[in-house]
Amino acid sequence: MDMNTPEPVSPRRRLQELLAIPERQRTDEQWDEINELEIKLASANREDAPDPNVRRDAPAANNQPRRNRPGGGQPGRKQPRKFHK
């Protein structure tokens, strides 16, 4: 790389630079670049992300809701208090 060639800016850094510009001051080209960078950087579009079109089959027993659990079956969630008159 010679001294006259600027280093390429990472997409994340460029997005941060564009987002630092107040919305009212952004040009149409900047808005377009923001949209393109957000799409490019979205987790579903990353190269290392799992393919959303590939179906992942799990054993049938794991797909069924657990009905015989106290508390309604949602872990970490409290049941509403019941007040009796």
Protein backbone atom coordinates (compact mmCIF):
# COMPACT_ATOMS: atom_id res chain seq x y z
CA MET A 1 0.00 0.00 0.00
CA ASP A 2 1.54 3.33 -0.94
CA MET A 3 1.32 6.55 1.07
CA ASN A 4 -1.31 8.17 -1.17
CA THR A 5 -3.91 5.41 -0.81
CA PRO A 6 -6.26 6.11 2.11
CA GLU A 7 -7.11 3.19 4.38
CA PRO A 8 -10.58 1.80 3.74
CA VAL A 9 -13.09 2.69 6.44
CA SER A 10 -14.91 -0.27 8.00
CA PRO A 11 -18.67 -0.36 7.30
CA ARG A 12 -19.44 -0.09 11.03
CA ARG A 13 -17.22 2.95 11.44
CA ARG A 14 -18.70 4.60 8.34
CA LEU A 15 -22.21 3.96 9.66
CA GLN A 16 -21.28 5.58 12.98
CA GLU A 17 -19.88 8.59 11.12
CA LEU A 18 -23.09 8.96 9.12
CA LEU A 19 -25.30 8.53 12.18
CA ALA A 20 -23.33 11.30 13.93
CA ILE A 21 -24.72 13.77 11.36
CA PRO A 22 -27.99 15.30 12.60
CA GLU A 23 -30.95 13.87 10.67
CA ARG A 24 -32.04 17.26 9.31
CA GLN A 25 -28.58 17.85 7.86
CA ARG A 26 -28.17 14.51 6.04
CA THR A 27 -28.26 14.47 2.25
CA ASP A 28 -30.25 11.93 0.25
CA GLU A 29 -26.98 10.21 -0.64
CA GLN A 30 -26.08 9.91 3.06
CA TRP A 31 -29.51 8.46 3.86
CA ASP A 32 -29.07 5.94 1.05
CA GLU A 33 -25.63 4.97 2.33
CA ILE A 34 -27.01 4.56 5.88
CA ASN A 35 -29.74 2.25 4.58
CA GLU A 36 -27.27 0.18 2.57
CA LEU A 37 -24.87 -0.14 5.50
CA GLU A 38 -27.65 -1.12 7.92
CA ILE A 39 -28.82 -3.83 5.54
CA LYS A 40 -25.26 -5.04 5.00
CA LEU A 41 -24.56 -5.16 8.73
CA ALA A 42 -27.86 -6.74 9.78
CA SER A 43 -27.25 -9.98 11.66
CA ALA A 44 -29.41 -12.01 9.30
CA ASN A 45 -27.24 -10.94 6.38
CA ARG A 46 -23.86 -11.67 7.92
CA GLU A 47 -21.80 -14.36 6.26
CA ASP A 48 -21.35 -16.26 9.53
CA ALA A 49 -25.07 -16.19 10.41
CA PRO A 50 -27.08 -19.38 10.01
CA ASP A 51 -29.09 -19.60 6.79
CA PRO A 52 -32.72 -18.63 7.63
CA ASN A 53 -33.93 -20.85 4.77
CA VAL A 54 -32.52 -24.02 6.33
CA ARG A 55 -35.07 -25.83 8.48
CA ARG A 56 -33.77 -27.15 11.75
CA ASP A 57 -35.77 -30.14 12.88
CA ALA A 58 -35.79 -30.80 16.61
CA PRO A 59 -37.19 -33.90 18.31
CA ALA A 60 -40.98 -33.71 18.61
CA ALA A 61 -40.84 -33.93 22.42
CA ASN A 62 -38.98 -30.62 22.58
CA ASN A 63 -41.50 -28.82 20.40
CA GLN A 64 -44.47 -29.45 22.69
CA PRO A 65 -45.36 -26.91 25.40
CA ARG A 66 -45.02 -28.12 28.96
CA ARG A 67 -48.52 -28.01 30.42
CA ASN A 68 -48.07 -29.61 33.83
CA ARG A 69 -45.80 -26.97 35.28
CA PRO A 70 -46.80 -24.80 38.18
CA GLY A 71 -46.72 -21.13 37.30
CA GLY A 72 -48.16 -21.31 33.80
CA GLY A 73 -45.20 -22.82 31.98
CA GLN A 74 -43.19 -19.68 31.21
CA PRO A 75 -39.88 -19.77 33.03
CA GLY A 76 -38.84 -16.58 34.76
CA ARG A 77 -42.30 -15.10 34.68
CA LYS A 78 -44.34 -14.61 37.82
CA GLN A 79 -48.03 -15.35 37.99
CA PRO A 80 -50.24 -12.35 38.77
CA ARG A 81 -51.35 -12.14 42.38
CA LYS A 82 -54.91 -13.19 43.04
CA PHE A 83 -56.84 -11.22 45.59
CA HIS A 84 -59.87 -12.83 47.19
CA LYS A 85 -62.73 -10.87 48.71
